[in-house]
Amino acid sequence: MTAVFKGWKAPFFTIWTGEQISLIGSRAAQFALVWWLTVTTGSATVLATATTVALAPQILLGPIAGAYVDRLNRRLVLLVSDSFIALVSLWLAYLFFTGSMQIWHVYVVMLARSFGDVFQWPAMAASTSLMVPQRHLTRVAGLNQTMNGLLSITGPPLGALLLSLIPLHGVMLVDVGTALFAVIPLCFIAIPQPPRVASEASVRPSVWRDVREGFSYLRGWRGAMALIGGALIFKIALTPAFSLIPLLVRNHFGGGAAQLSLLEAIVGVGMVSGGLSLSAWGGFRRKVYTLLMGLVGVGMGVTVLGVIPGSLFPAALGGVFFIGFMIPMTDGPIMAIFQTTIAPHMQGRVFALLGSLVSLSSPLGLAIAGPVSDRLGVQVWFLIAGILCLLVGVTSFFIPAILHIEEHHAAVQAAPHAEPVAETAAD
């Protein structure tokens, strides 16, 4: 593998930088679209429905998409998915420009963009472990968390600024323009392909067999299954709570687009601070302890949002900063654990399956959250989500399968006795 990683920095960071620039435009466009939906409808049910629609492809198509990511050229998957998402934004710009934008169009856009993301995310995550040496994966995970924070800082204020300067169709065209920074490098830079097991070298199994092998891989990993079980519990309330933040700002704190962009930017400041702190500190020797500490911290911050009065918006900013600070402590370690533990030829389908399984309970929460929040207020959901997050985080310290997840270096393989057959590192 040494030859594969020689000179890895230039190709990887060229692709990575293009993706980050594209995400800046996407964050700004997403902010503008969500704020338009909030002002136009003022309904928690509509926001919850939009989030549910966006989750549908991840839940229903994730396992199949992951299987295709493992079978196809990953550069091609990234190129097609990024281009498709850009075309969706172009269509959205046309709708706003012609004045024909309707609420149901938002659902179609959410569905289409999520369809592209369901291929893009596992392809990028699986490609990273083949482009970056293993000893640097934790650093790259920390860098990703830092950039997520920076995107949260720049995206919402940029969206609010663009809304004040240009019409909505112009904001969507900015998203299309930044997408080119992700698409163009993929036309010229090769991405390594994963090794295949010996049985696949002569006979290509069906896609459904690949999907079943992904399920078998996870089913034999008790730590991952226990972690997914915990996520299913608190995400019933956590996903709806985050989707309702625009209404929390508008209805509870009496704010507007500027206050919403400030709150989301403060989350980003917290994420950058947390990511840099994690990079400097390195976390506990056992990454899972850092993960669970971050989960408990997120629960504490969300609980704060659920109890503070509407007159204390600065306290809300402090709460979201703490949430942002703890997110890298949770996401960074778990991604590093998965990338170093899951076999390379299985990563596409396993990452997609993880995303699908973790998202299973979110539609249930969203279906309840909209009507209940319209009746009782959005703070109810922040309080419930915070308490559930705290309970899952604290309880996980007493579950051996989770505490020993890093020791599972030989998760169930699709063909456990087969020897890998190396493929070329280039396309």
Protein backbone atom coordinates (compact mmCIF):
# COMPACT_ATOMS: atom_id res chain seq x y z
CA MET A 1 0.00 0.00 0.00
CA THR A 2 3.02 2.29 0.28
CA ALA A 3 3.03 2.95 -3.46
CA VAL A 4 -0.65 3.80 -3.34
CA PHE A 5 -0.12 6.51 -0.71
CA LYS A 6 3.03 8.03 -2.23
CA GLY A 7 2.33 11.66 -3.05
CA TRP A 8 -1.19 11.40 -1.65
CA LYS A 9 -1.56 14.96 -0.38
CA ALA A 10 -1.90 16.84 -3.68
CA PRO A 11 -4.64 14.68 -5.26
CA PHE A 12 -6.58 14.18 -2.04
CA PHE A 13 -6.59 17.79 -0.91
CA THR A 14 -7.39 19.05 -4.41
CA ILE A 15 -10.57 16.96 -4.43
CA TRP A 16 -11.25 17.70 -0.75
CA THR A 17 -10.88 21.47 -1.22
CA GLY A 18 -13.24 21.44 -4.19
CA GLU A 19 -15.85 19.60 -2.14
CA GLN A 20 -15.53 22.14 0.70
CA ILE A 21 -15.99 25.11 -1.65
CA SER A 22 -19.05 23.41 -3.10
CA LEU A 23 -20.44 22.90 0.39
CA ILE A 24 -20.13 26.64 1.14
CA GLY A 25 -22.51 27.40 -1.71
CA SER A 26 -24.81 24.57 -0.69
CA ARG A 27 -24.97 25.81 2.93
CA ALA A 28 -25.81 29.34 1.80
CA ALA A 29 -28.51 28.08 -0.58
CA GLN A 30 -29.92 25.74 2.07
CA PHE A 31 -30.15 28.62 4.55
CA ALA A 32 -31.98 30.78 2.00
CA LEU A 33 -34.38 27.96 1.10
CA VAL A 34 -35.20 27.06 4.73
CA TRP A 35 -35.73 30.70 5.66
CA TRP A 36 -38.05 31.16 2.65
CA LEU A 37 -40.00 28.11 3.82
CA THR A 38 -40.12 29.43 7.41
CA VAL A 39 -41.37 32.89 6.43
CA THR A 40 -43.78 31.57 3.80
CA THR A 41 -45.49 28.94 5.98
CA GLY A 42 -44.50 29.51 9.63
CA SER A 43 -45.37 25.84 10.15
CA ALA A 44 -43.39 23.30 12.16
CA THR A 45 -45.23 20.55 10.29
CA VAL A 46 -43.97 21.82 6.94
CA LEU A 47 -40.35 22.02 8.16
CA ALA A 48 -40.60 18.56 9.72
CA THR A 49 -42.10 17.15 6.50
CA ALA A 50 -39.27 18.66 4.44
CA THR A 51 -36.71 17.00 6.71
CA THR A 52 -38.58 13.67 6.52
CA VAL A 53 -38.57 13.80 2.72
CA ALA A 54 -34.82 14.50 2.75
CA LEU A 55 -34.23 11.45 4.96
CA ALA A 56 -36.22 9.05 2.77
CA PRO A 57 -33.49 8.25 0.19
CA GLN A 58 -30.92 7.69 2.96
CA ILE A 59 -33.17 5.19 4.70
CA LEU A 60 -34.64 3.42 1.68
CA LEU A 61 -31.80 3.54 -0.84
CA GLY A 62 -28.71 3.74 1.39
CA PRO A 63 -27.93 -0.01 1.43
CA ILE A 64 -28.28 -0.32 -2.37
CA ALA A 65 -26.32 2.90 -2.99
CA GLY A 66 -23.51 1.64 -0.75
CA ALA A 67 -23.35 -1.64 -2.67
CA TYR A 68 -22.97 0.25 -5.94
CA VAL A 69 -20.29 2.49 -4.41
CA ASP A 70 -18.26 -0.64 -3.66
CA ARG A 71 -18.84 -2.03 -7.16
CA LEU A 72 -18.38 1.08 -9.31
CA ASN A 73 -15.53 3.48 -9.93
CA ARG A 74 -15.71 5.81 -6.93
CA ARG A 75 -14.48 8.82 -8.87
CA LEU A 76 -17.33 8.33 -11.34
CA VAL A 77 -19.84 8.03 -8.48
CA LEU A 78 -18.61 11.31 -6.97
CA LEU A 79 -18.61 13.06 -10.36
CA VAL A 80 -22.17 12.01 -11.23
CA SER A 81 -23.62 12.71 -7.78
CA ASP A 82 -22.01 16.17 -7.49
CA SER A 83 -23.18 17.07 -11.02
CA PHE A 84 -26.71 15.86 -10.31
CA ILE A 85 -26.97 17.99 -7.14
CA ALA A 86 -25.78 21.03 -9.11
CA LEU A 87 -28.46 20.44 -11.75
CA VAL A 88 -31.11 20.30 -9.02
CA SER A 89 -29.95 23.72 -7.78
CA LEU A 90 -30.11 25.03 -11.36
CA TRP A 91 -33.73 23.86 -11.62
CA LEU A 92 -34.49 25.54 -8.29
CA ALA A 93 -33.01 28.80 -9.61
CA TYR A 94 -35.32 28.55 -12.63
CA LEU A 95 -38.38 28.08 -10.40
CA PHE A 96 -37.57 31.16 -8.32
CA PHE A 97 -36.70 33.20 -11.41
CA THR A 98 -40.02 32.43 -13.12
CA GLY A 99 -42.03 32.96 -9.92
CA SER A 100 -43.44 29.43 -10.11
CA MET A 101 -41.95 28.16 -6.84
CA GLN A 102 -44.46 26.24 -4.69
CA ILE A 103 -44.16 24.51 -1.31
CA TRP A 104 -44.32 21.06 -2.92
CA HIS A 105 -41.32 21.98 -5.08
CA VAL A 106 -39.24 22.17 -1.88
CA TYR A 107 -40.10 18.56 -1.12
CA VAL A 108 -39.04 17.50 -4.62
CA VAL A 109 -35.78 19.43 -4.30
CA MET A 110 -35.05 17.94 -0.87
CA LEU A 111 -35.73 14.46 -2.24
CA ALA A 112 -33.54 14.95 -5.31
CA ARG A 113 -30.58 16.48 -3.42
CA SER A 114 -30.77 13.73 -0.82
CA PHE A 115 -30.74 11.14 -3.62
CA GLY A 116 -27.44 12.58 -4.80
CA ASP A 117 -26.05 12.77 -1.27
CA VAL A 118 -26.87 9.10 -0.60
CA PHE A 119 -24.22 8.19 -3.18
CA GLN A 120 -21.82 11.08 -2.61
CA TRP A 121 -21.21 10.69 1.14
CA PRO A 122 -20.27 6.97 1.28
CA ALA A 123 -18.17 7.34 -1.89
CA MET A 124 -16.14 10.19 -0.38
CA ALA A 125 -15.81 8.50 3.03
CA ALA A 126 -14.73 5.20 1.47
CA SER A 127 -12.31 6.93 -0.92
CA THR A 128 -10.65 8.81 1.93
CA SER A 129 -9.41 5.63 3.60
CA LEU A 130 -7.76 4.59 0.30
CA MET A 131 -6.23 7.98 -0.51
CA VAL A 132 -4.99 8.87 3.00
CA PRO A 133 -2.48 6.79 5.02
CA GLN A 134 -4.09 5.15 8.04
CA ARG A 135 -1.94 7.07 10.51
CA HIS A 136 -3.41 10.34 9.19
CA LEU A 137 -7.09 9.34 9.13
CA THR A 138 -7.81 10.75 12.59
CA ARG A 139 -6.19 14.05 11.59
CA VAL A 140 -8.27 14.19 8.42
CA ALA A 141 -11.41 13.40 10.47
CA GLY A 142 -10.52 16.27 12.80
CA LEU A 143 -9.93 18.53 9.79
CA ASN A 144 -13.34 17.56 8.41
CA GLN A 145 -14.96 18.48 11.71
CA THR A 146 -13.13 21.81 11.75
CA MET A 147 -14.30 22.53 8.21
CA ASN A 148 -17.86 21.60 9.15
CA GLY A 149 -17.60 24.27 11.81
CA LEU A 150 -16.20 26.81 9.36
CA LEU A 151 -19.00 25.98 6.94
CA SER A 152 -21.52 26.61 9.70
CA ILE A 153 -19.83 29.95 10.39
CA THR A 154 -19.68 31.11 6.77
CA GLY A 155 -22.73 29.41 5.22
CA PRO A 156 -25.66 31.00 7.13
CA PRO A 157 -24.25 34.56 7.22
CA LEU A 158 -23.39 34.24 3.53
CA GLY A 159 -26.93 33.05 2.86
CA ALA A 160 -28.39 35.97 4.85
CA LEU A 161 -26.06 38.41 3.07
CA LEU A 162 -26.94 37.06 -0.36
CA LEU A 163 -30.64 37.27 0.48
CA SER A 164 -30.18 40.98 1.21
CA LEU A 165 -28.26 41.61 -2.02
CA ILE A 166 -29.72 39.37 -4.72
CA PRO A 167 -33.00 37.52 -5.37
CA LEU A 168 -33.46 33.88 -4.41
CA HIS A 169 -32.70 32.56 -7.89
CA GLY A 170 -29.32 34.31 -7.68
CA VAL A 171 -28.53 32.53 -4.42
CA MET A 172 -29.26 29.20 -6.09
CA LEU A 173 -26.98 30.11 -9.01
CA VAL A 174 -24.17 30.76 -6.52
CA ASP A 175 -24.66 27.15 -5.38
CA VAL A 176 -24.34 25.97 -8.98
CA GLY A 177 -21.15 27.99 -9.46
CA THR A 178 -19.43 26.64 -6.35
CA ALA A 179 -20.38 23.10 -7.38
CA LEU A 180 -18.01 23.41 -10.33
CA PHE A 181 -15.08 23.46 -7.88
CA ALA A 182 -16.05 19.93 -6.85
CA VAL A 183 -16.84 18.63 -10.33
CA ILE A 184 -13.83 19.88 -12.32
CA PRO A 185 -11.04 18.22 -10.24
CA LEU A 186 -12.87 14.89 -10.44
CA CYS A 187 -12.53 15.01 -14.22
CA PHE A 188 -8.74 14.83 -14.01
CA ILE A 189 -7.65 13.23 -10.70
CA ALA A 190 -7.62 9.47 -10.17
CA ILE A 191 -9.07 7.89 -7.02
CA PRO A 192 -7.72 4.48 -5.89
CA GLN A 193 -10.07 1.53 -6.13
CA PRO A 194 -10.47 -0.91 -3.21
CA PRO A 195 -9.07 -4.45 -3.31
CA ARG A 196 -11.57 -7.20 -4.04
CA VAL A 197 -11.76 -10.54 -2.30
CA ALA A 198 -10.57 -13.51 -4.35
CA SER A 199 -14.07 -14.91 -4.91
CA GLU A 200 -15.13 -11.64 -6.57
CA ALA A 201 -12.16 -11.59 -8.93
CA SER A 202 -13.68 -14.32 -11.13
CA VAL A 203 -17.43 -14.09 -10.41
CA ARG A 204 -19.16 -10.77 -9.71
CA PRO A 205 -21.94 -11.31 -7.10
CA SER A 206 -25.33 -9.68 -7.46
CA VAL A 207 -26.04 -6.29 -5.91
CA TRP A 208 -28.49 -7.89 -3.48
CA ARG A 209 -25.78 -10.27 -2.31
CA ASP A 210 -23.54 -7.27 -1.71
CA VAL A 211 -26.30 -5.67 0.35
CA ARG A 212 -26.77 -8.86 2.39
CA GLU A 213 -23.03 -9.06 3.00
CA GLY A 214 -23.12 -5.50 4.33
CA PHE A 215 -25.88 -6.44 6.75
CA SER A 216 -23.96 -9.56 7.82
CA TYR A 217 -20.85 -7.47 8.40
CA LEU A 218 -22.69 -5.12 10.73
CA ARG A 219 -24.72 -7.84 12.42
CA GLY A 220 -21.51 -9.49 13.55
CA TRP A 221 -20.22 -6.25 15.08
CA ARG A 222 -21.89 -5.99 18.47
CA GLY A 223 -20.35 -2.63 19.32
CA ALA A 224 -21.61 -0.97 16.14
CA MET A 225 -25.09 -2.47 16.58
CA ALA A 226 -25.26 -1.25 20.20
CA LEU A 227 -24.16 2.22 19.12
CA ILE A 228 -26.80 2.27 16.38
CA GLY A 229 -29.43 1.22 18.92
CA GLY A 230 -28.54 4.17 21.13
CA ALA A 231 -28.62 6.55 18.18
CA LEU A 232 -32.07 5.33 17.19
CA ILE A 233 -33.36 6.30 20.64
CA PHE A 234 -32.17 9.88 20.91
CA LYS A 235 -32.52 10.74 17.21
CA ILE A 236 -36.29 10.30 17.53
CA ALA A 237 -36.22 13.73 19.19
CA LEU A 238 -32.84 15.17 18.17
CA THR A 239 -33.42 15.30 14.40
CA PRO A 240 -36.78 17.11 14.72
CA ALA A 241 -35.28 19.54 17.24
CA PHE A 242 -32.51 20.62 14.86
CA SER A 243 -34.93 20.88 11.93
CA LEU A 244 -37.10 23.25 13.99
CA ILE A 245 -34.33 25.71 14.95
CA PRO A 246 -35.62 28.36 12.48
CA LEU A 247 -38.99 28.33 14.26
CA LEU A 248 -37.29 28.42 17.67
CA VAL A 249 -35.52 31.61 16.63
CA ARG A 250 -38.56 33.19 15.01
CA ASN A 251 -41.34 32.19 17.43
CA HIS A 252 -39.60 31.74 20.80
CA PHE A 253 -36.81 34.31 20.62
CA GLY A 254 -38.60 36.70 18.24
CA GLY A 255 -35.65 36.86 15.85
CA GLY A 256 -35.25 37.06 12.09
CA ALA A 257 -32.84 35.86 9.42
CA ALA A 258 -29.94 37.77 11.01
CA GLN A 259 -30.49 36.10 14.41
CA LEU A 260 -30.82 32.66 12.80
CA SER A 261 -27.61 33.14 10.83
CA LEU A 262 -25.84 34.34 14.00
CA LEU A 263 -27.00 31.29 15.95
CA GLU A 264 -25.89 28.88 13.22
CA ALA A 265 -22.58 30.72 12.88
CA ILE A 266 -21.98 30.36 16.63
CA VAL A 267 -22.52 26.61 16.24
CA GLY A 268 -19.77 26.74 13.63
CA VAL A 269 -17.44 28.67 15.95
CA GLY A 270 -18.01 25.97 18.54
CA MET A 271 -17.25 23.23 16.01
CA VAL A 272 -14.04 24.89 14.91
CA SER A 273 -12.98 25.34 18.54
CA GLY A 274 -13.86 21.73 19.30
CA GLY A 275 -12.09 20.42 16.21
CA LEU A 276 -8.91 22.37 16.95
CA SER A 277 -9.03 21.31 20.60
CA LEU A 278 -9.42 17.67 19.59
CA SER A 279 -6.51 17.96 17.16
CA ALA A 280 -4.26 19.49 19.84
CA TRP A 281 -5.40 17.18 22.64
CA GLY A 282 -5.85 14.01 20.62
CA GLY A 283 -8.67 12.76 22.81
CA PHE A 284 -8.56 9.94 25.32
CA ARG A 285 -6.39 6.94 24.50
CA ARG A 286 -9.58 5.00 23.84
CA LYS A 287 -11.45 6.99 21.23
CA VAL A 288 -14.82 5.71 22.41
CA TYR A 289 -14.47 7.63 25.68
CA THR A 290 -14.04 10.88 23.74
CA LEU A 291 -17.07 9.95 21.63
CA LEU A 292 -19.32 9.34 24.65
CA MET A 293 -18.08 12.48 26.41
CA GLY A 294 -19.07 14.46 23.31
CA LEU A 295 -22.49 12.82 23.22
CA VAL A 296 -23.17 13.76 26.85
CA GLY A 297 -22.02 17.31 26.10
CA VAL A 298 -24.39 17.61 23.13
CA GLY A 299 -27.23 16.45 25.38
CA MET A 300 -26.40 19.11 27.96
CA GLY A 301 -26.35 21.87 25.34
CA VAL A 302 -29.65 20.81 23.76
CA THR A 303 -31.27 20.65 27.20
CA VAL A 304 -30.23 24.27 27.80
CA LEU A 305 -32.07 25.31 24.62
CA GLY A 306 -35.14 23.53 25.94
CA VAL A 307 -35.38 25.47 29.20
CA ILE A 308 -34.13 29.04 28.67
CA PRO A 309 -36.78 31.81 28.31
CA GLY A 310 -37.25 33.75 25.10
CA SER A 311 -35.69 36.89 26.59
CA LEU A 312 -32.28 35.21 26.98
CA PHE A 313 -31.12 34.82 23.38
CA PRO A 314 -27.45 35.29 24.46
CA ALA A 315 -27.84 32.20 26.66
CA ALA A 316 -29.06 30.31 23.58
CA LEU A 317 -25.90 31.37 21.77
CA GLY A 318 -23.86 29.95 24.64
CA GLY A 319 -25.82 26.70 24.47
CA VAL A 320 -25.31 26.24 20.74
CA PHE A 321 -21.61 27.09 21.07
CA PHE A 322 -21.27 24.24 23.58
CA ILE A 323 -23.21 21.91 21.27
CA GLY A 324 -20.89 22.84 18.41
CA PHE A 325 -17.82 22.32 20.57
CA MET A 326 -18.93 18.80 21.49
CA ILE A 327 -19.93 17.66 17.99
CA PRO A 328 -16.30 17.05 16.83
CA MET A 329 -15.68 15.12 20.04
CA THR A 330 -18.45 12.76 18.92
CA ASP A 331 -18.17 12.60 15.13
CA GLY A 332 -14.37 12.71 14.78
CA PRO A 333 -13.56 9.62 16.86
CA ILE A 334 -16.38 7.48 15.49
CA MET A 335 -15.40 8.17 11.87
CA ALA A 336 -11.75 7.34 12.62
CA ILE A 337 -12.83 4.10 14.35
CA PHE A 338 -14.93 3.02 11.38
CA GLN A 339 -12.37 3.94 8.72
CA THR A 340 -9.59 2.00 10.45
CA THR A 341 -11.76 -1.00 11.35
CA ILE A 342 -14.00 -1.68 8.35
CA ALA A 343 -12.40 -3.62 5.48
CA PRO A 344 -11.77 -1.28 2.48
CA HIS A 345 -13.83 -3.36 0.02
CA MET A 346 -16.81 -3.17 2.41
CA GLN A 347 -16.69 0.50 3.35
CA GLY A 348 -19.12 1.88 0.77
CA ARG A 349 -22.00 -0.41 1.72
CA VAL A 350 -21.24 -0.40 5.47
CA PHE A 351 -21.04 3.42 5.67
CA ALA A 352 -24.32 3.66 3.73
CA LEU A 353 -25.95 1.04 5.97
CA LEU A 354 -24.81 2.88 9.08
CA GLY A 355 -26.40 6.07 7.77
CA SER A 356 -29.64 4.27 6.90
CA LEU A 357 -29.96 2.45 10.22
CA VAL A 358 -29.14 5.52 12.32
CA SER A 359 -31.80 7.51 10.42
CA LEU A 360 -34.58 4.94 10.80
CA SER A 361 -36.18 6.52 13.86
CA SER A 362 -36.01 10.11 12.60
CA PRO A 363 -39.19 9.99 10.45
CA LEU A 364 -41.16 8.75 13.45
CA GLY A 365 -39.93 11.67 15.53
CA LEU A 366 -40.56 14.13 12.70
CA ALA A 367 -44.10 12.84 12.16
CA ILE A 368 -44.88 13.55 15.82
CA ALA A 369 -42.75 16.67 16.24
CA GLY A 370 -44.50 18.85 13.66
CA PRO A 371 -48.07 18.70 15.01
CA VAL A 372 -46.97 18.65 18.67
CA SER A 373 -44.63 21.63 18.22
CA ASP A 374 -47.36 23.57 16.45
CA ARG A 375 -49.54 22.99 19.53
CA LEU A 376 -47.11 23.01 22.49
CA GLY A 377 -44.12 24.97 21.17
CA VAL A 378 -40.79 23.90 19.71
CA GLN A 379 -38.93 24.06 23.06
CA VAL A 380 -40.65 20.84 24.13
CA TRP A 381 -38.65 18.92 21.56
CA PHE A 382 -35.33 20.42 22.56
CA LEU A 383 -35.94 19.38 26.15
CA ILE A 384 -36.90 15.83 25.17
CA ALA A 385 -33.95 15.51 22.78
CA GLY A 386 -31.48 16.77 25.37
CA ILE A 387 -32.68 14.36 28.03
CA LEU A 388 -32.63 11.37 25.67
CA CYS A 389 -29.14 12.28 24.44
CA LEU A 390 -27.88 12.50 28.03
CA LEU A 391 -29.45 9.14 28.93
CA VAL A 392 -27.94 7.36 25.92
CA GLY A 393 -24.50 8.89 26.53
CA VAL A 394 -24.37 8.02 30.23
CA THR A 395 -25.84 4.53 29.76
CA SER A 396 -23.31 3.70 27.02
CA PHE A 397 -20.48 3.91 29.57
CA PHE A 398 -21.93 0.74 31.11
CA ILE A 399 -22.34 -1.26 27.86
CA PRO A 400 -19.24 -3.45 27.23
CA ALA A 401 -19.94 -3.89 23.50
CA ILE A 402 -19.69 -0.13 23.01
CA LEU A 403 -16.70 0.37 25.29
CA HIS A 404 -14.76 -2.32 23.37
CA ILE A 405 -15.81 -1.24 19.86
CA GLU A 406 -12.21 -0.30 18.98
CA GLU A 407 -11.03 -3.85 19.66
CA HIS A 408 -13.17 -5.23 16.87
CA HIS A 409 -10.42 -5.25 14.23
CA ALA A 410 -11.84 -8.34 12.48
CA ALA A 411 -15.51 -7.59 11.90
CA VAL A 412 -17.48 -10.27 10.08
CA GLN A 413 -16.24 -10.39 6.46
CA ALA A 414 -18.31 -11.19 3.39
CA ALA A 415 -15.79 -13.91 2.54
CA PRO A 416 -13.78 -14.35 5.74
CA HIS A 417 -11.35 -16.94 4.39
CA ALA A 418 -10.65 -15.29 1.07
CA GLU A 419 -7.47 -13.42 0.34
CA PRO A 420 -7.72 -9.89 -1.03
CA VAL A 421 -6.92 -9.40 -4.68
CA ALA A 422 -5.29 -5.99 -5.11
CA GLU A 423 -6.43 -3.74 -7.89
CA THR A 424 -4.59 -0.84 -9.41
CA ALA A 425 -4.46 2.29 -7.33
CA ALA A 426 -5.38 4.44 -10.30
CA ASP A 427 -8.50 4.45 -12.42
